Amino acid sequence: MLQNRDYSALVPGRWNQDAAGVVVLPSGRSVRGRALRGTTAPAGPEPEFGLYLLGHEPPTVQWPHHWLRWPDFRLPSEPLATREALLDVWRRSERERVEIACGGGRGRTGTAIACLAVLDGIPSSRAVLWTRQQYGRRAVETPWQRRFVARFDG
């Protein structure tokens, strides 16, 4: 019987939609959010691209990636570069397995996912709630992260 097999690794650009941390945007694009601190990479296929949101250089990975300087509990150091990187990730997520990760996998990662939701057509006034429902109830941790999403225009 083959019905419980995960064939997502055979289809480029597709995460298993039931896998931990995977968020499916309204357009059908998907991204995986996760924590880097104290965890190993989830089981399953590797990302085809990674966006890492940290105050220091990310750990070495074997796939193409981009690092945004974004200290814990804060906002990104370069908002314009952040917007460009998120737009790139949104475009890639249509055809590639993209992961977004920060230290704890909640605040910065949740903020980035909420911004992707705005790019995907969700009103910025609803993006944090949507992200908390789809990704994690404690996503987008700080008031300034919520304000960043509210002011992020698609």
Protein backbone atom coordinates (compact mmCIF):
# COMPACT_ATOMS: atom_id res chain seq x y z
CA MET A 1 0.00 0.00 0.00
CA LEU A 2 1.54 3.34 -1.09
CA GLN A 3 -0.90 5.94 0.17
CA ASN A 4 1.20 7.14 3.14
CA ARG A 5 4.42 7.70 1.18
CA ASP A 6 5.86 11.20 0.87
CA TYR A 7 6.56 11.85 -2.80
CA SER A 8 7.26 15.58 -2.33
CA ALA A 9 11.00 14.97 -2.78
CA LEU A 10 10.27 13.71 -6.30
CA VAL A 11 8.48 16.92 -7.31
CA PRO A 12 10.84 19.90 -7.48
CA GLY A 13 9.54 22.93 -5.65
CA ARG A 14 7.04 21.13 -3.47
CA TRP A 15 7.13 20.56 0.26
CA ASN A 16 4.97 17.91 1.82
CA GLN A 17 2.11 20.18 2.92
CA ASP A 18 1.66 18.18 6.13
CA ALA A 19 5.31 18.49 7.18
CA ALA A 20 6.24 20.51 10.25
CA GLY A 21 6.62 24.22 9.61
CA VAL A 22 5.25 24.17 6.07
CA VAL A 23 2.87 27.03 5.29
CA VAL A 24 0.79 27.08 2.13
CA LEU A 25 -0.01 30.59 0.93
CA PRO A 26 -3.39 31.32 -0.70
CA SER A 27 -1.80 31.14 -4.19
CA GLY A 28 -0.59 27.59 -3.52
CA ARG A 29 3.04 28.60 -3.00
CA SER A 30 4.62 26.98 0.04
CA VAL A 31 7.49 27.79 2.39
CA ARG A 32 8.92 26.02 5.40
CA GLY A 33 9.65 27.98 8.55
CA ARG A 34 11.89 26.57 11.24
CA ALA A 35 14.24 27.25 14.12
CA LEU A 36 18.00 26.95 13.73
CA ARG A 37 18.98 27.08 17.40
CA GLY A 38 19.22 23.70 19.10
CA THR A 39 17.56 21.74 16.32
CA THR A 40 18.51 19.62 13.37
CA ALA A 41 17.03 19.99 9.92
CA PRO A 42 13.61 18.35 9.63
CA ALA A 43 13.36 14.97 7.92
CA GLY A 44 12.52 15.02 4.24
CA PRO A 45 13.91 16.78 1.21
CA GLU A 46 16.42 19.59 1.55
CA PRO A 47 15.44 23.13 0.64
CA GLU A 48 16.37 24.39 -2.80
CA PHE A 49 16.86 27.86 -1.30
CA GLY A 50 17.11 29.23 2.24
CA LEU A 51 16.56 32.67 3.75
CA TYR A 52 18.24 33.01 7.14
CA LEU A 53 17.30 35.84 9.49
CA LEU A 54 20.01 36.18 12.11
CA GLY A 55 22.17 38.78 13.82
CA HIS A 56 25.24 36.74 12.78
CA GLU A 57 26.21 34.59 9.81
CA PRO A 58 24.11 31.43 9.52
CA PRO A 59 25.51 27.92 9.79
CA THR A 60 26.90 26.47 6.58
CA VAL A 61 24.31 24.77 4.35
CA GLN A 62 24.70 22.86 1.09
CA TRP A 63 22.04 24.76 -0.88
CA PRO A 64 21.84 28.32 -2.21
CA HIS A 65 20.84 30.78 0.49
CA HIS A 66 20.73 34.40 1.54
CA TRP A 67 21.44 35.88 4.95
CA LEU A 68 19.67 38.98 6.23
CA ARG A 69 21.15 40.65 9.30
CA TRP A 70 18.17 40.64 11.66
CA PRO A 71 18.95 40.60 15.41
CA ASP A 72 16.71 38.56 17.71
CA PHE A 73 13.51 40.35 18.84
CA ARG A 74 14.29 43.28 16.56
CA LEU A 75 13.68 44.45 13.01
CA PRO A 76 15.91 43.81 10.02
CA SER A 77 19.00 46.00 9.78
CA GLU A 78 18.25 46.85 6.13
CA PRO A 79 14.50 47.15 5.47
CA LEU A 80 14.86 47.72 1.71
CA ALA A 81 17.14 44.69 1.28
CA THR A 82 14.67 42.71 3.40
CA ARG A 83 11.79 43.65 1.12
CA GLU A 84 13.82 42.61 -1.95
CA ALA A 85 14.82 39.30 -0.33
CA LEU A 86 11.22 38.53 0.66
CA LEU A 87 10.01 39.29 -2.85
CA ASP A 88 12.70 36.94 -4.19
CA VAL A 89 11.61 34.21 -1.75
CA TRP A 90 7.94 34.70 -2.69
CA ARG A 91 8.81 34.31 -6.38
CA ARG A 92 11.03 31.28 -5.76
CA SER A 93 8.38 29.57 -3.61
CA GLU A 94 6.25 29.03 -6.69
CA ARG A 95 8.78 26.58 -8.12
CA GLU A 96 11.35 25.79 -5.41
CA ARG A 97 11.39 24.37 -1.87
CA VAL A 98 12.22 27.48 0.15
CA GLU A 99 12.88 27.58 3.87
CA ILE A 100 12.94 30.61 6.13
CA ALA A 101 14.63 30.27 9.49
CA CYS A 102 15.85 32.26 12.48
CA GLY A 103 17.15 31.27 15.90
CA GLY A 104 13.86 30.28 17.51
CA GLY A 105 11.72 30.00 14.39
CA ARG A 106 8.95 32.28 15.69
CA GLY A 107 9.47 36.04 15.71
CA ARG A 108 11.64 36.82 12.71
CA THR A 109 10.51 33.77 10.75
CA GLY A 110 6.86 34.50 11.54
CA THR A 111 7.33 38.13 10.54
CA ALA A 112 8.84 37.08 7.20
CA ILE A 113 6.01 34.60 6.58
CA ALA A 114 3.44 37.30 7.38
CA CYS A 115 5.14 39.58 4.84
CA LEU A 116 4.98 36.78 2.25
CA ALA A 117 1.27 36.51 3.00
CA VAL A 118 0.92 40.23 2.21
CA LEU A 119 2.80 39.72 -1.06
CA ASP A 120 0.40 36.86 -1.77
CA GLY A 121 -2.66 39.10 -1.37
CA ILE A 122 -3.61 38.93 2.30
CA PRO A 123 -4.26 42.44 3.66
CA SER A 124 -1.42 43.60 5.92
CA SER A 125 -3.98 44.25 8.67
CA ARG A 126 -4.81 40.51 8.74
CA ALA A 127 -1.43 38.96 7.91
CA VAL A 128 -0.25 38.44 11.50
CA LEU A 129 -3.46 36.67 12.51
CA TRP A 130 -3.32 34.54 9.35
CA THR A 131 0.31 33.61 10.07
CA ARG A 132 -0.51 32.65 13.65
CA GLN A 133 -3.31 30.41 12.41
CA GLN A 134 -1.25 28.80 9.65
CA TYR A 135 2.25 28.69 11.13
CA GLY A 136 2.26 29.08 14.89
CA ARG A 137 0.21 30.88 17.50
CA ARG A 138 3.27 32.71 18.86
CA ALA A 139 4.61 33.85 15.49
CA VAL A 140 5.50 37.54 15.08
CA GLU A 141 6.55 38.06 18.69
CA THR A 142 7.04 41.77 19.28
CA PRO A 143 4.94 44.91 18.80
CA TRP A 144 7.52 46.34 16.36
CA GLN A 145 7.46 43.11 14.31
CA ARG A 146 3.65 43.40 14.12
CA ARG A 147 4.03 47.05 13.06
CA PHE A 148 6.59 46.02 10.41
CA VAL A 149 4.02 43.64 8.90
CA ALA A 150 1.21 46.22 9.16
CA ARG A 151 3.34 48.71 7.20
CA PHE A 152 4.59 46.14 4.68
CA ASP A 153 2.75 46.79 1.47
CA GLY A 154 2.41 44.11 -1.16
